[in-house]
Protein backbone atom coordinates (compact mmCIF):
# COMPACT_ATOMS: atom_id res chain seq x y z
CA MET A 1 -120.79 55.70 -3.15
CA ASN A 2 -119.59 57.27 0.08
CA ASP A 3 -119.11 55.08 3.13
CA TYR A 4 -120.86 56.98 5.91
CA THR A 5 -120.65 54.14 8.40
CA THR A 6 -117.16 55.24 9.44
CA LEU A 7 -117.76 58.96 9.73
CA ASP A 8 -115.49 60.94 11.97
CA VAL A 9 -117.94 63.15 13.81
CA THR A 10 -115.55 63.95 16.64
CA ALA A 11 -114.84 67.30 15.03
CA LYS A 12 -118.44 68.38 15.69
CA THR A 13 -119.80 69.08 19.13
CA PRO A 14 -123.13 67.54 20.17
CA GLU A 15 -124.67 71.01 19.90
CA GLN A 16 -123.39 71.41 16.33
CA LEU A 17 -124.77 68.00 15.37
CA ALA A 18 -128.12 68.84 16.97
CA SER A 19 -128.18 72.11 15.06
CA LEU A 20 -127.42 70.32 11.77
CA ARG A 21 -130.15 67.80 12.54
CA ARG A 22 -132.71 70.58 13.08
CA LEU A 23 -131.52 72.42 9.97
CA THR A 24 -131.80 69.27 7.86
CA LEU A 25 -135.39 68.79 9.03
CA LEU A 26 -136.16 72.45 8.31
CA VAL A 27 -134.92 72.03 4.75
CA TYR A 28 -137.07 68.93 4.25
CA ILE A 29 -140.06 70.92 5.53
CA LEU A 30 -139.26 73.81 3.19
CA TYR A 31 -139.14 71.44 0.22
CA ALA A 32 -142.47 69.94 1.26
CA LEU A 33 -143.96 73.42 1.64
CA SER A 34 -142.82 74.25 -1.88
CA TRP A 35 -145.83 72.27 -3.09
CA LEU A 36 -147.94 75.12 -1.68
CA VAL A 37 -145.48 78.03 -1.74
CA GLY A 38 -142.89 77.55 -4.46
CA ILE A 39 -140.47 80.12 -3.08
CA SER A 40 -139.71 77.89 -0.09
CA ALA A 41 -137.75 75.54 -2.38
CA ILE A 42 -135.50 78.46 -3.32
CA VAL A 43 -134.91 79.21 0.36
CA ALA A 44 -134.19 75.51 0.97
CA ILE A 45 -131.64 75.20 -1.83
CA VAL A 46 -129.85 78.34 -0.65
CA ILE A 47 -129.64 76.90 2.88
CA ASN A 48 -128.32 73.63 1.44
CA TYR A 49 -125.49 75.37 -0.37
CA VAL A 50 -124.66 77.85 2.40
CA LYS A 51 -124.55 75.22 5.16
CA ARG A 52 -123.17 72.31 3.11
CA GLU A 53 -119.62 72.85 4.34
CA ASP A 54 -120.80 72.79 7.97
CA ALA A 55 -122.38 69.39 7.36
CA ALA A 56 -119.21 67.90 5.83
CA GLY A 57 -118.07 64.77 7.61
CA THR A 58 -121.43 64.13 9.28
CA LEU A 59 -124.35 61.96 8.30
CA TYR A 60 -126.20 65.16 7.40
CA GLU A 61 -123.81 65.75 4.53
CA SER A 62 -125.52 62.90 2.68
CA HIS A 63 -128.92 64.44 3.41
CA PHE A 64 -127.78 67.79 2.00
CA THR A 65 -126.54 66.04 -1.14
CA TRP A 66 -129.85 64.15 -1.38
CA GLN A 67 -131.83 67.39 -1.00
CA ILE A 68 -129.73 69.28 -3.55
CA ARG A 69 -130.07 66.49 -6.12
CA THR A 70 -133.80 66.27 -5.48
CA PHE A 71 -134.18 70.00 -6.10
CA TRP A 72 -132.22 70.12 -9.35
CA TRP A 73 -133.66 66.92 -10.84
CA SER A 74 -137.19 67.99 -9.88
CA LEU A 75 -136.64 71.38 -11.48
CA LEU A 76 -135.28 69.78 -14.63
CA TRP A 77 -138.21 67.37 -14.97
CA CYS A 78 -140.77 70.07 -14.22
CA VAL A 79 -139.30 72.39 -16.86
CA LEU A 80 -139.27 69.51 -19.35
CA GLY A 81 -142.86 68.67 -18.41
CA VAL A 82 -144.04 72.24 -18.89
CA LEU A 83 -142.22 72.53 -22.22
CA THR A 84 -143.90 69.38 -23.50
CA LEU A 85 -147.42 70.08 -22.23
CA PHE A 86 -148.61 70.89 -25.74
CA LEU A 87 -147.57 67.36 -26.81
CA MET A 88 -149.64 65.92 -23.97
CA VAL A 89 -146.52 64.09 -22.80
CA GLY A 90 -145.89 66.89 -20.34
CA PHE A 91 -148.74 65.81 -18.11
CA VAL A 92 -147.19 62.39 -17.70
CA ILE A 93 -143.75 63.88 -17.06
CA LEU A 94 -145.14 66.27 -14.44
CA PHE A 95 -147.09 63.48 -12.74
CA VAL A 96 -144.06 61.18 -12.57
CA ALA A 97 -141.88 64.07 -11.37
CA ALA A 98 -144.37 64.81 -8.60
CA ILE A 99 -144.47 61.18 -7.44
CA TRP A 100 -140.67 60.96 -7.58
CA SER A 101 -140.33 64.17 -5.57
CA VAL A 102 -142.71 62.95 -2.88
CA TYR A 103 -140.83 59.65 -2.73
CA ARG A 104 -137.51 61.48 -2.24
CA LEU A 105 -138.94 63.68 0.52
CA VAL A 106 -140.52 60.77 2.38
CA LYS A 107 -137.40 58.62 2.08
CA GLY A 108 -135.26 61.52 3.30
CA TRP A 109 -137.53 62.13 6.30
CA LEU A 110 -137.51 58.46 7.22
CA TYR A 111 -133.72 58.24 7.05
CA TRP A 112 -133.46 61.53 8.99
CA ASN A 113 -135.81 60.19 11.65
CA ASP A 114 -133.72 57.02 12.00
CA ARG A 115 -130.52 59.11 12.11
CA ARG A 116 -129.22 57.29 9.06
CA PRO A 117 -127.24 58.75 6.17
CA MET A 118 -128.81 58.81 2.75
CA PRO A 119 -127.53 56.31 0.17
CA VAL A 120 -126.11 58.88 -2.26
């Protein structure tokens, strides 16, 4: 586990940190919107990977890692759920994946709001 309590954020200007903060929120919003418009999750994951290096060494790095892991694990569980729908197990898998995804988004937003790093 990374120790984000001793981050060296002196390399980033206040404007850069503010920009990363806004970008992190935007990505959370895009993931939430993916429940209505699936393509927004693709946009969000691209932003995560493109801007990940910019977030290195800041508390937002942990949020980017959290968001990336949420995307890939959600995708995996949704694919598994769809593939097992005919066994009737898929409905349970999809339901649990949905609850887990909502939990991850809400937890991320709350930590973002409190300006805390995610426990990744």
